[in-house]
Amino acid sequence: MQAGKKDTVYQITLAGFLITILGAVFFSTKAIMVKLVFKSTGVDALTLLSLRMLFSLPFYLVAAWIGAKKESAVSLSSRQWFFLSLLGIFGYYLSSLFDFIGLQYVSAGLERLILFLYPTFSVLINTIIYKTKLNKTQIIALLLTYLGIGVAYFGEMKIDTGNPNFYYGSFMIFLCAITYSFYLVGTGRMIPKIGVTRYTAYAMLSATAGIFIHFLLARNIQNIQFSATLIWYSIALAIVATVLPSFMMSNGMKRIGSNNVSIITSIGPVSTIIQAHFFLGEKIILPQMIGTALVIVGVLLIGWQSKQKTS
């Protein structure tokens, strides 16, 4: 087995498939909660992101302690510490900040569609830098899911172009997709060496440190208008849309590899569009329905492969 081709030999287990898809659904609730809290409280993106990470912090501190005890057989090198911290900053500081800013100007459904360009970027990074190869199932699934996302995205554009900040918000989400793709690829490479619990905890702690420093430099805590609504939404963002899915996604990458995780998580736009309709009143248009159907077919194709390999 060649070290440079690890992703090509990952088997897609049923457990890995289910953990990944559930994590993607949990992540998809983030856009809904963020839009609701913006509407209810008027809080700015950086403050909300800081509160989200503040309430996430205790969970990652405990996870870091547990991970250090269970996975301490291999000490981290200075190089590993550097890349782990860098990936955390890319994945949950920069990408989250770009995402929260973009959500102020675009719909939750459109946010998720733009954001899910990141599997394409992740696959390109893997194939160009690490020389991995895609199998036929992955190629077909990618074509189906991204055709679906493209159809839905252009349909959504016809609705939201009256918004003067539409393109700025879209660009922020696009930057989020780019930064998150680097995190995703790096995660797939580092988890086998570091361990799921320790990697996830340390990466998130690095991101939290970056967010807190940014907040202290740019905001004054005394200016935050605290309310029960803001606190409860921040707690929900921390647990449901951050802590649980971050560990699920990392575990999924360990089980089935980053390329397969990238494809399976294409279910995210479907979940967000449905939730946005019921909780935010966003319209579901025909291009969205067509695109959603194509995405579902692509995801089910991966699920079918999972069943074949585990039967």
C-alpha atoms as a PDB file:
ATOM      1  CA  MET A   1       0.000   0.000   0.000  1.00  0.00           C
ATOM      2  CA  GLN A   2       1.401   3.366  -0.960  1.00  0.00           C
ATOM      3  CA  ALA A   3       1.175   6.056   1.701  1.00  0.00           C
ATOM      4  CA  GLY A   4       0.239   8.696  -0.826  1.00  0.00           C
ATOM      5  CA  LYS A   5      -2.946   6.826  -1.807  1.00  0.00           C
ATOM      6  CA  LYS A   6      -4.702   6.254   1.486  1.00  0.00           C
ATOM      7  CA  ASP A   7      -7.971   7.799   0.422  1.00  0.00           C
ATOM      8  CA  THR A   8      -8.305   5.348  -2.481  1.00  0.00           C
ATOM      9  CA  VAL A   9      -8.483   2.319  -0.161  1.00  0.00           C
ATOM     10  CA  TYR A  10     -11.056   3.536   2.367  1.00  0.00           C
ATOM     11  CA  GLN A  11     -14.089   1.254   2.540  1.00  0.00           C
ATOM     12  CA  ILE A  12     -17.420   3.004   2.958  1.00  0.00           C
ATOM     13  CA  THR A  13     -18.914   1.272   5.982  1.00  0.00           C
ATOM     14  CA  LEU A  14     -22.571   1.678   6.866  1.00  0.00           C
ATOM     15  CA  ALA A  15     -21.651   3.125  10.273  1.00  0.00           C
ATOM     16  CA  GLY A  16     -19.357   5.694   8.645  1.00  0.00           C
ATOM     17  CA  PHE A  17     -22.061   6.636   6.159  1.00  0.00           C
ATOM     18  CA  LEU A  18     -24.732   7.098   8.849  1.00  0.00           C
ATOM     19  CA  ILE A  19     -22.468   9.061  11.220  1.00  0.00           C
ATOM     20  CA  THR A  20     -21.414  11.374   8.395  1.00  0.00           C
ATOM     21  CA  ILE A  21     -24.903  12.035   7.077  1.00  0.00           C
ATOM     22  CA  LEU A  22     -26.256  12.723  10.580  1.00  0.00           C
ATOM     23  CA  GLY A  23     -23.371  15.105  11.236  1.00  0.00           C
ATOM     24  CA  ALA A  24     -24.153  16.903   7.978  1.00  0.00           C
ATOM     25  CA  VAL A  25     -27.802  17.333   9.002  1.00  0.00           C
ATOM     26  CA  PHE A  26     -26.767  18.734  12.389  1.00  0.00           C
ATOM     27  CA  PHE A  27     -24.390  21.141  10.662  1.00  0.00           C
ATOM     28  CA  SER A  28     -27.206  22.232   8.358  1.00  0.00           C
ATOM     29  CA  THR A  29     -29.185  23.548  11.331  1.00  0.00           C
ATOM     30  CA  LYS A  30     -26.515  26.236  11.835  1.00  0.00           C
ATOM     31  CA  ALA A  31     -27.746  28.480   9.013  1.00  0.00           C
ATOM     32  CA  ILE A  32     -31.314  28.309  10.308  1.00  0.00           C
ATOM     33  CA  MET A  33     -30.320  29.233  13.854  1.00  0.00           C
ATOM     34  CA  VAL A  34     -28.039  32.043  12.696  1.00  0.00           C
ATOM     35  CA  LYS A  35     -30.756  33.588  10.529  1.00  0.00           C
ATOM     36  CA  LEU A  36     -33.248  33.333  13.394  1.00  0.00           C
ATOM     37  CA  VAL A  37     -30.926  34.942  15.929  1.00  0.00           C
ATOM     38  CA  PHE A  38     -29.986  37.751  13.515  1.00  0.00           C
ATOM     39  CA  LYS A  39     -33.678  38.456  13.012  1.00  0.00           C
ATOM     40  CA  SER A  40     -34.559  38.205  16.714  1.00  0.00           C
ATOM     41  CA  THR A  41     -31.651  40.062  18.328  1.00  0.00           C
ATOM     42  CA  GLY A  42     -29.794  42.111  15.715  1.00  0.00           C
ATOM     43  CA  VAL A  43     -26.458  40.786  17.003  1.00  0.00           C
ATOM     44  CA  ASP A  44     -23.464  41.104  14.654  1.00  0.00           C
ATOM     45  CA  ALA A  45     -21.667  38.132  13.083  1.00  0.00           C
ATOM     46  CA  LEU A  46     -18.450  38.289  15.127  1.00  0.00           C
ATOM     47  CA  THR A  47     -20.268  38.558  18.452  1.00  0.00           C
ATOM     48  CA  LEU A  48     -22.559  35.639  17.660  1.00  0.00           C
ATOM     49  CA  LEU A  49     -19.611  33.535  16.493  1.00  0.00           C
ATOM     50  CA  SER A  50     -17.738  34.349  19.725  1.00  0.00           C
ATOM     51  CA  LEU A  51     -20.725  33.337  21.868  1.00  0.00           C
ATOM     52  CA  ARG A  52     -21.088  30.128  19.882  1.00  0.00           C
ATOM     53  CA  MET A  53     -17.474  29.196  20.611  1.00  0.00           C
ATOM     54  CA  LEU A  54     -17.690  30.352  24.236  1.00  0.00           C
ATOM     55  CA  PHE A  55     -20.426  27.807  24.936  1.00  0.00           C
ATOM     56  CA  SER A  56     -18.583  25.166  22.906  1.00  0.00           C
ATOM     57  CA  LEU A  57     -15.340  25.682  24.828  1.00  0.00           C
ATOM     58  CA  PRO A  58     -16.088  23.473  27.888  1.00  0.00           C
ATOM     59  CA  PHE A  59     -16.897  20.484  25.676  1.00  0.00           C
ATOM     60  CA  TYR A  60     -13.647  20.784  23.727  1.00  0.00           C
ATOM     61  CA  LEU A  61     -11.591  21.260  26.895  1.00  0.00           C
ATOM     62  CA  VAL A  62     -13.020  18.016  28.284  1.00  0.00           C
ATOM     63  CA  ALA A  63     -12.496  16.281  24.938  1.00  0.00           C
ATOM     64  CA  ALA A  64      -8.890  17.493  24.821  1.00  0.00           C
ATOM     65  CA  TRP A  65      -8.274  16.095  28.312  1.00  0.00           C
ATOM     66  CA  ILE A  66      -9.873  12.739  27.433  1.00  0.00           C
ATOM     67  CA  GLY A  67      -8.022  12.590  24.128  1.00  0.00           C
ATOM     68  CA  ALA A  68      -4.684  13.312  25.780  1.00  0.00           C
ATOM     69  CA  LYS A  69      -5.248  10.434  28.193  1.00  0.00           C
ATOM     70  CA  LYS A  70      -6.478   7.902  25.636  1.00  0.00           C
ATOM     71  CA  GLU A  71      -4.346   8.873  22.662  1.00  0.00           C
ATOM     72  CA  SER A  72      -1.108   9.973  24.327  1.00  0.00           C
ATOM     73  CA  ALA A  73       0.988   7.088  22.987  1.00  0.00           C
ATOM     74  CA  VAL A  74       2.136   9.273  20.091  1.00  0.00           C
ATOM     75  CA  SER A  75       3.452  12.723  21.016  1.00  0.00           C
ATOM     76  CA  LEU A  76       2.744  15.554  18.618  1.00  0.00           C
ATOM     77  CA  SER A  77       5.693  17.088  16.830  1.00  0.00           C
ATOM     78  CA  SER A  78       6.104  20.838  16.430  1.00  0.00           C
ATOM     79  CA  ARG A  79       5.136  20.453  12.779  1.00  0.00           C
ATOM     80  CA  GLN A  80       1.946  18.590  13.709  1.00  0.00           C
ATOM     81  CA  TRP A  81       1.037  21.237  16.296  1.00  0.00           C
ATOM     82  CA  PHE A  82       1.526  23.954  13.694  1.00  0.00           C
ATOM     83  CA  PHE A  83      -0.624  22.315  11.015  1.00  0.00           C
ATOM     84  CA  LEU A  84      -3.272  21.260  13.533  1.00  0.00           C
ATOM     85  CA  SER A  85      -3.600  24.855  14.748  1.00  0.00           C
ATOM     86  CA  LEU A  86      -3.592  26.185  11.194  1.00  0.00           C
ATOM     87  CA  LEU A  87      -6.339  23.782  10.139  1.00  0.00           C
ATOM     88  CA  GLY A  88      -8.451  24.753  13.137  1.00  0.00           C
ATOM     89  CA  ILE A  89      -8.100  28.429  12.236  1.00  0.00           C
ATOM     90  CA  PHE A  90      -9.038  27.736   8.604  1.00  0.00           C
ATOM     91  CA  GLY A  91     -11.912  25.377   9.413  1.00  0.00           C
ATOM     92  CA  TYR A  92     -13.725  26.997  12.314  1.00  0.00           C
ATOM     93  CA  TYR A  93     -12.429  30.553  12.610  1.00  0.00           C
ATOM     94  CA  LEU A  94     -12.058  31.954   9.099  1.00  0.00           C
ATOM     95  CA  SER A  95     -14.662  29.757   7.428  1.00  0.00           C
ATOM     96  CA  SER A  96     -17.191  30.324  10.228  1.00  0.00           C
ATOM     97  CA  LEU A  97     -16.603  34.080  10.205  1.00  0.00           C
ATOM     98  CA  PHE A  98     -17.061  34.280   6.423  1.00  0.00           C
ATOM     99  CA  ASP A  99     -20.178  32.112   6.757  1.00  0.00           C
ATOM    100  CA  PHE A 100     -21.798  34.212   9.491  1.00  0.00           C
ATOM    101  CA  ILE A 101     -21.087  37.436   7.580  1.00  0.00           C
ATOM    102  CA  GLY A 102     -22.564  35.985   4.390  1.00  0.00           C
ATOM    103  CA  LEU A 103     -25.694  34.788   6.192  1.00  0.00           C
ATOM    104  CA  GLN A 104     -26.564  38.401   6.955  1.00  0.00           C
ATOM    105  CA  TYR A 105     -27.150  38.996   3.235  1.00  0.00           C
ATOM    106  CA  VAL A 106     -28.279  35.724   1.595  1.00  0.00           C
ATOM    107  CA  SER A 107     -30.931  33.131   2.345  1.00  0.00           C
ATOM    108  CA  ALA A 108     -30.144  30.025   4.368  1.00  0.00           C
ATOM    109  CA  GLY A 109     -30.889  27.811   1.376  1.00  0.00           C
ATOM    110  CA  LEU A 110     -28.551  29.747  -0.900  1.00  0.00           C
ATOM    111  CA  GLU A 111     -25.842  29.798   1.779  1.00  0.00           C
ATOM    112  CA  ARG A 112     -25.838  26.038   1.996  1.00  0.00           C
ATOM    113  CA  LEU A 113     -25.774  25.628  -1.779  1.00  0.00           C
ATOM    114  CA  ILE A 114     -22.746  27.897  -2.198  1.00  0.00           C
ATOM    115  CA  LEU A 115     -21.025  26.374   0.811  1.00  0.00           C
ATOM    116  CA  PHE A 116     -21.304  22.912  -0.668  1.00  0.00           C
ATOM    117  CA  LEU A 117     -18.862  23.768  -3.373  1.00  0.00           C
ATOM    118  CA  TYR A 118     -16.263  22.700  -0.813  1.00  0.00           C
ATOM    119  CA  PRO A 119     -16.362  18.973  -1.677  1.00  0.00           C
ATOM    120  CA  THR A 120     -15.233  19.878  -5.198  1.00  0.00           C
ATOM    121  CA  PHE A 121     -12.351  21.916  -3.789  1.00  0.00           C
ATOM    122  CA  SER A 122     -11.469  19.116  -1.364  1.00  0.00           C
ATOM    123  CA  VAL A 123     -11.374  16.512  -4.111  1.00  0.00           C
ATOM    124  CA  LEU A 124      -9.254  18.795  -6.300  1.00  0.00           C
ATOM    125  CA  ILE A 125      -6.798  19.366  -3.448  1.00  0.00           C
ATOM    126  CA  ASN A 126      -6.562  15.625  -2.842  1.00  0.00           C
ATOM    127  CA  THR A 127      -6.082  14.774  -6.507  1.00  0.00           C
ATOM    128  CA  ILE A 128      -3.652  17.588  -7.356  1.00  0.00           C
ATOM    129  CA  ILE A 129      -1.531  17.749  -4.190  1.00  0.00           C
ATOM    130  CA  TYR A 130      -1.766  14.191  -2.836  1.00  0.00           C
ATOM    131  CA  LYS A 131      -2.207  12.414  -6.204  1.00  0.00           C
ATOM    132  CA  THR A 132      -5.240  10.413  -5.049  1.00  0.00           C
ATOM    133  CA  LYS A 133      -7.667   8.932  -7.547  1.00  0.00           C
ATOM    134  CA  LEU A 134     -11.448   8.980  -7.661  1.00  0.00           C
ATOM    135  CA  ASN A 135     -13.307   5.742  -8.261  1.00  0.00           C
ATOM    136  CA  LYS A 136     -16.229   5.539 -10.675  1.00  0.00           C
ATOM    137  CA  THR A 137     -18.864   5.746  -7.946  1.00  0.00           C
ATOM    138  CA  GLN A 138     -17.332   8.913  -6.518  1.00  0.00           C
ATOM    139  CA  ILE A 139     -17.178  10.537  -9.949  1.00  0.00           C
ATOM    140  CA  ILE A 140     -20.816   9.744 -10.744  1.00  0.00           C
ATOM    141  CA  ALA A 141     -21.954  10.893  -7.305  1.00  0.00           C
ATOM    142  CA  LEU A 142     -20.012  14.157  -7.636  1.00  0.00           C
ATOM    143  CA  LEU A 143     -21.503  14.847 -11.055  1.00  0.00           C
ATOM    144  CA  LEU A 144     -25.039  14.232  -9.807  1.00  0.00           C
ATOM    145  CA  THR A 145     -24.729  16.219  -6.594  1.00  0.00           C
ATOM    146  CA  TYR A 146     -23.058  19.221  -8.194  1.00  0.00           C
ATOM    147  CA  LEU A 147     -25.377  19.267 -11.143  1.00  0.00           C
ATOM    148  CA  GLY A 148     -28.192  19.381  -8.602  1.00  0.00           C
ATOM    149  CA  ILE A 149     -26.567  22.139  -6.575  1.00  0.00           C
ATOM    150  CA  GLY A 150     -25.914  24.159  -9.736  1.00  0.00           C
ATOM    151  CA  VAL A 151     -29.535  23.925 -10.900  1.00  0.00           C
ATOM    152  CA  ALA A 152     -30.847  24.974  -7.492  1.00  0.00           C
ATOM    153  CA  TYR A 153     -28.308  27.788  -7.122  1.00  0.00           C
ATOM    154  CA  PHE A 154     -29.152  29.506 -10.400  1.00  0.00           C
ATOM    155  CA  GLY A 155     -32.852  29.230  -9.613  1.00  0.00           C
ATOM    156  CA  GLU A 156     -32.228  30.880  -6.241  1.00  0.00           C
ATOM    157  CA  MET A 157     -30.271  33.711  -7.874  1.00  0.00           C
ATOM    158  CA  LYS A 158     -33.370  34.842  -9.763  1.00  0.00           C
ATOM    159  CA  ILE A 159     -35.138  35.397  -6.449  1.00  0.00           C
ATOM    160  CA  ASP A 160     -32.423  37.128  -4.407  1.00  0.00           C
ATOM    161  CA  THR A 161     -30.776  39.475  -6.941  1.00  0.00           C
ATOM    162  CA  GLY A 162     -32.866  42.398  -5.650  1.00  0.00           C
ATOM    163  CA  ASN A 163     -30.744  42.339  -2.499  1.00  0.00           C
ATOM    164  CA  PRO A 164     -27.941  44.972  -2.919  1.00  0.00           C
ATOM    165  CA  ASN A 165     -25.564  42.836  -0.820  1.00  0.00           C
ATOM    166  CA  PHE A 166     -26.420  39.593  -2.600  1.00  0.00           C
ATOM    167  CA  TYR A 167     -23.087  39.213  -4.393  1.00  0.00           C
ATOM    168  CA  TYR A 168     -21.053  40.305  -1.370  1.00  0.00           C
ATOM    169  CA  GLY A 169     -22.844  37.748   0.807  1.00  0.00           C
ATOM    170  CA  SER A 170     -22.367  35.086  -1.855  1.00  0.00           C
ATOM    171  CA  PHE A 171     -18.651  35.889  -2.059  1.00  0.00           C
ATOM    172  CA  MET A 172     -18.276  35.543   1.718  1.00  0.00           C
ATOM    173  CA  ILE A 173     -19.885  32.094   1.598  1.00  0.00           C
ATOM    174  CA  PHE A 174     -17.612  31.200  -1.329  1.00  0.00           C
ATOM    175  CA  LEU A 175     -14.563  32.104   0.796  1.00  0.00           C
ATOM    176  CA  CYS A 176     -16.028  29.945   3.551  1.00  0.00           C
ATOM    177  CA  ALA A 177     -16.188  26.990   1.148  1.00  0.00           C
ATOM    178  CA  ILE A 178     -12.550  27.451   0.131  1.00  0.00           C
ATOM    179  CA  THR A 179     -11.177  27.686   3.670  1.00  0.00           C
ATOM    180  CA  TYR A 180     -13.316  24.794   4.888  1.00  0.00           C
ATOM    181  CA  SER A 181     -12.117  22.558   2.057  1.00  0.00           C
ATOM    182  CA  PHE A 182      -8.520  22.930   3.248  1.00  0.00           C
ATOM    183  CA  TYR A 183      -9.647  21.992   6.754  1.00  0.00           C
ATOM    184  CA  LEU A 184     -11.486  18.945   5.428  1.00  0.00           C
ATOM    185  CA  VAL A 185      -8.518  17.643   3.465  1.00  0.00           C
ATOM    186  CA  GLY A 186      -6.090  18.293   6.309  1.00  0.00           C
ATOM    187  CA  THR A 187      -8.404  16.576   8.748  1.00  0.00           C
ATOM    188  CA  GLY A 188      -8.481  13.432   6.625  1.00  0.00           C
ATOM    189  CA  ARG A 189      -4.682  13.386   6.651  1.00  0.00           C
ATOM    190  CA  MET A 190      -4.063  14.142  10.326  1.00  0.00           C
ATOM    191  CA  ILE A 191      -6.728  12.089  12.123  1.00  0.00           C
ATOM    192  CA  PRO A 192      -5.013   8.726  11.447  1.00  0.00           C
ATOM    193  CA  LYS A 193      -1.860  10.114  13.061  1.00  0.00           C
ATOM    194  CA  ILE A 194      -3.367  12.053  15.975  1.00  0.00           C
ATOM    195  CA  GLY A 195      -6.718  10.433  16.767  1.00  0.00           C
ATOM    196  CA  VAL A 196     -10.280  11.687  16.321  1.00  0.00           C
ATOM    197  CA  THR A 197     -10.926  13.069  19.811  1.00  0.00           C
ATOM    198  CA  ARG A 198      -7.606  14.802  20.263  1.00  0.00           C
ATOM    199  CA  TYR A 199      -7.512  16.254  16.753  1.00  0.00           C
ATOM    200  CA  THR A 200     -11.066  17.628  16.850  1.00  0.00           C
ATOM    201  CA  ALA A 201     -10.635  19.130  20.316  1.00  0.00           C
ATOM    202  CA  TYR A 202      -7.276  20.768  19.596  1.00  0.00           C
ATOM    203  CA  ALA A 203      -8.359  22.118  16.211  1.00  0.00           C
ATOM    204  CA  MET A 204     -11.496  23.637  17.716  1.00  0.00           C
ATOM    205  CA  LEU A 205      -9.541  25.123  20.621  1.00  0.00           C
ATOM    206  CA  SER A 206      -7.174  26.764  18.116  1.00  0.00           C
ATOM    207  CA  ALA A 207     -10.135  28.236  16.247  1.00  0.00           C
ATOM    208  CA  THR A 208     -11.697  29.420  19.506  1.00  0.00           C
ATOM    209  CA  ALA A 209      -8.478  31.204  20.463  1.00  0.00           C
ATOM    210  CA  GLY A 210      -8.431  32.986  17.088  1.00  0.00           C
ATOM    211  CA  ILE A 211     -12.065  34.042  17.410  1.00  0.00           C
ATOM    212  CA  PHE A 212     -11.635  35.342  20.972  1.00  0.00           C
ATOM    213  CA  ILE A 213      -8.545  37.365  20.029  1.00  0.00           C
ATOM    214  CA  HIS A 214     -10.431  38.860  17.064  1.00  0.00           C
ATOM    215  CA  PHE A 215     -13.389  39.725  19.293  1.00  0.00           C
ATOM    216  CA  LEU A 216     -11.240  41.387  21.967  1.00  0.00           C
ATOM    217  CA  LEU A 217      -9.492  43.494  19.326  1.00  0.00           C
ATOM    218  CA  ALA A 218     -12.648  44.495  17.436  1.00  0.00           C
ATOM    219  CA  ARG A 219     -15.503  44.551  19.980  1.00  0.00           C
ATOM    220  CA  ASN A 220     -16.331  45.637  23.514  1.00  0.00           C
ATOM    221  CA  ILE A 221     -18.085  43.022  25.637  1.00  0.00           C
ATOM    222  CA  GLN A 222     -19.972  45.773  27.457  1.00  0.00           C
ATOM    223  CA  ASN A 223     -21.763  46.661  24.229  1.00  0.00           C
ATOM    224  CA  ILE A 224     -23.369  43.225  23.862  1.00  0.00           C
ATOM    225  CA  GLN A 225     -27.122  43.342  24.431  1.00  0.00           C
ATOM    226  CA  PHE A 226     -27.557  40.041  26.271  1.00  0.00           C
ATOM    227  CA  SER A 227     -31.007  38.447  26.243  1.00  0.00           C
ATOM    228  CA  ALA A 228     -32.486  35.035  26.927  1.00  0.00           C
ATOM    229  CA  THR A 229     -33.068  34.571  23.189  1.00  0.00           C
ATOM    230  CA  LEU A 230     -29.434  35.316  22.351  1.00  0.00           C
ATOM    231  CA  ILE A 231     -28.123  33.010  25.085  1.00  0.00           C
ATOM    232  CA  TRP A 232     -30.332  30.056  24.208  1.00  0.00           C
ATOM    233  CA  TYR A 233     -29.643  30.320  20.490  1.00  0.00           C
ATOM    234  CA  SER A 234     -25.910  30.531  21.216  1.00  0.00           C
ATOM    235  CA  ILE A 235     -26.092  27.386  23.361  1.00  0.00           C
ATOM    236  CA  ALA A 236     -28.026  25.554  20.632  1.00  0.00           C
ATOM    237  CA  LEU A 237     -25.481  26.674  18.038  1.00  0.00           C
ATOM    238  CA  ALA A 238     -22.687  25.429  20.282  1.00  0.00           C
ATOM    239  CA  ILE A 239     -24.084  21.968  21.004  1.00  0.00           C
ATOM    240  CA  VAL A 240     -26.343  20.980  18.105  1.00  0.00           C
ATOM    241  CA  ALA A 241     -24.597  22.781  15.232  1.00  0.00           C
ATOM    242  CA  THR A 242     -20.967  22.716  16.433  1.00  0.00           C
ATOM    243  CA  VAL A 243     -19.872  20.188  19.069  1.00  0.00           C
ATOM    244  CA  LEU A 244     -21.886  17.148  18.010  1.00  0.00           C
ATOM    245  CA  PRO A 245     -21.386  17.443  14.238  1.00  0.00           C
ATOM    246  CA  SER A 246     -17.679  18.315  14.515  1.00  0.00           C
ATOM    247  CA  PHE A 247     -16.967  15.018  16.292  1.00  0.00           C
ATOM    248  CA  MET A 248     -19.307  13.128  13.960  1.00  0.00           C
ATOM    249  CA  MET A 249     -17.606  14.493  10.849  1.00  0.00           C
ATOM    250  CA  SER A 250     -14.136  13.752  12.201  1.00  0.00           C
ATOM    251  CA  ASN A 251     -15.225  10.222  13.079  1.00  0.00           C
ATOM    252  CA  GLY A 252     -16.720   9.819   9.629  1.00  0.00           C
ATOM    253  CA  MET A 253     -13.445  10.887   7.996  1.00  0.00           C
ATOM    254  CA  LYS A 254     -11.571   8.329  10.070  1.00  0.00           C
ATOM    255  CA  ARG A 255     -13.949   5.579   8.950  1.00  0.00           C
ATOM    256  CA  ILE A 256     -14.480   6.361   5.259  1.00  0.00           C
ATOM    257  CA  GLY A 257     -11.986   9.054   4.152  1.00  0.00           C
ATOM    258  CA  SER A 258     -12.325  12.748   3.325  1.00  0.00           C
ATOM    259  CA  ASN A 259     -13.352  12.314  -0.341  1.00  0.00           C
ATOM    260  CA  ASN A 260     -16.334  10.153   0.576  1.00  0.00           C
ATOM    261  CA  VAL A 261     -17.293  12.489   3.428  1.00  0.00           C
ATOM    262  CA  SER A 262     -17.208  15.390   0.965  1.00  0.00           C
ATOM    263  CA  ILE A 263     -19.703  13.639  -1.300  1.00  0.00           C
ATOM    264  CA  ILE A 264     -22.041  12.292   1.392  1.00  0.00           C
ATOM    265  CA  THR A 265     -22.359  15.673   3.101  1.00  0.00           C
ATOM    266  CA  SER A 266     -23.970  17.028  -0.066  1.00  0.00           C
ATOM    267  CA  ILE A 267     -27.201  16.131   1.726  1.00  0.00           C
ATOM    268  CA  GLY A 268     -26.633  19.355   3.693  1.00  0.00           C
ATOM    269  CA  PRO A 269     -28.268  21.709   1.160  1.00  0.00           C
ATOM    270  CA  VAL A 270     -31.323  19.477   1.018  1.00  0.00           C
ATOM    271  CA  SER A 271     -31.686  19.557   4.790  1.00  0.00           C
ATOM    272  CA  THR A 272     -31.181  23.314   4.977  1.00  0.00           C
ATOM    273  CA  ILE A 273     -33.664  24.113   2.196  1.00  0.00           C
ATOM    274  CA  ILE A 274     -36.365  22.055   3.899  1.00  0.00           C
ATOM    275  CA  GLN A 275     -35.671  23.583   7.315  1.00  0.00           C
ATOM    276  CA  ALA A 276     -35.511  27.095   5.836  1.00  0.00           C
ATOM    277  CA  HIS A 277     -38.954  26.605   4.326  1.00  0.00           C
ATOM    278  CA  PHE A 278     -40.572  25.544   7.595  1.00  0.00           C
ATOM    279  CA  PHE A 279     -38.678  27.737  10.073  1.00  0.00           C
ATOM    280  CA  LEU A 280     -37.810  30.835   8.011  1.00  0.00           C
ATOM    281  CA  GLY A 281     -40.614  30.874   5.454  1.00  0.00           C
ATOM    282  CA  GLU A 282     -38.204  30.657   2.491  1.00  0.00           C
ATOM    283  CA  LYS A 283     -39.894  29.534  -0.715  1.00  0.00           C
ATOM    284  CA  ILE A 284     -39.071  26.209  -2.319  1.00  0.00           C
ATOM    285  CA  ILE A 285     -38.972  26.771  -6.079  1.00  0.00           C
ATOM    286  CA  LEU A 286     -38.921  24.275  -8.948  1.00  0.00           C
ATOM    287  CA  PRO A 287     -35.138  24.533  -9.610  1.00  0.00           C
ATOM    288  CA  GLN A 288     -34.587  23.802  -5.917  1.00  0.00           C
ATOM    289  CA  MET A 289     -36.776  20.719  -6.145  1.00  0.00           C
ATOM    290  CA  ILE A 290     -34.959  19.453  -9.245  1.00  0.00           C
ATOM    291  CA  GLY A 291     -31.568  20.152  -7.720  1.00  0.00           C
ATOM    292  CA  THR A 292     -32.588  18.553  -4.442  1.00  0.00           C
ATOM    293  CA  ALA A 293     -33.666  15.378  -6.253  1.00  0.00           C
ATOM    294  CA  LEU A 294     -30.315  15.119  -8.028  1.00  0.00           C
ATOM    295  CA  VAL A 295     -28.436  15.624  -4.755  1.00  0.00           C
ATOM    296  CA  ILE A 296     -30.483  12.899  -3.065  1.00  0.00           C
ATOM    297  CA  VAL A 297     -29.728  10.474  -5.905  1.00  0.00           C
ATOM    298  CA  GLY A 298     -26.020  11.206  -5.563  1.00  0.00           C
ATOM    299  CA  VAL A 299     -26.079  10.669  -1.797  1.00  0.00           C
ATOM    300  CA  LEU A 300     -28.139   7.474  -2.098  1.00  0.00           C
ATOM    301  CA  LEU A 301     -25.584   6.198  -4.586  1.00  0.00           C
ATOM    302  CA  ILE A 302     -22.928   6.457  -1.895  1.00  0.00           C
ATOM    303  CA  GLY A 303     -25.294   4.758   0.534  1.00  0.00           C
ATOM    304  CA  TRP A 304     -25.832   1.936  -1.966  1.00  0.00           C
ATOM    305  CA  GLN A 305     -22.067   1.483  -2.215  1.00  0.00           C
ATOM    306  CA  SER A 306     -21.947   1.333   1.583  1.00  0.00           C
ATOM    307  CA  LYS A 307     -24.529  -1.455   1.666  1.00  0.00           C
ATOM    308  CA  GLN A 308     -22.714  -3.427  -1.023  1.00  0.00           C
ATOM    309  CA  LYS A 309     -19.390  -3.303   0.829  1.00  0.00           C
ATOM    310  CA  THR A 310     -20.825  -4.191   4.243  1.00  0.00           C
ATOM    311  CA  SER A 311     -23.144  -6.994   3.126  1.00  0.00           C
END
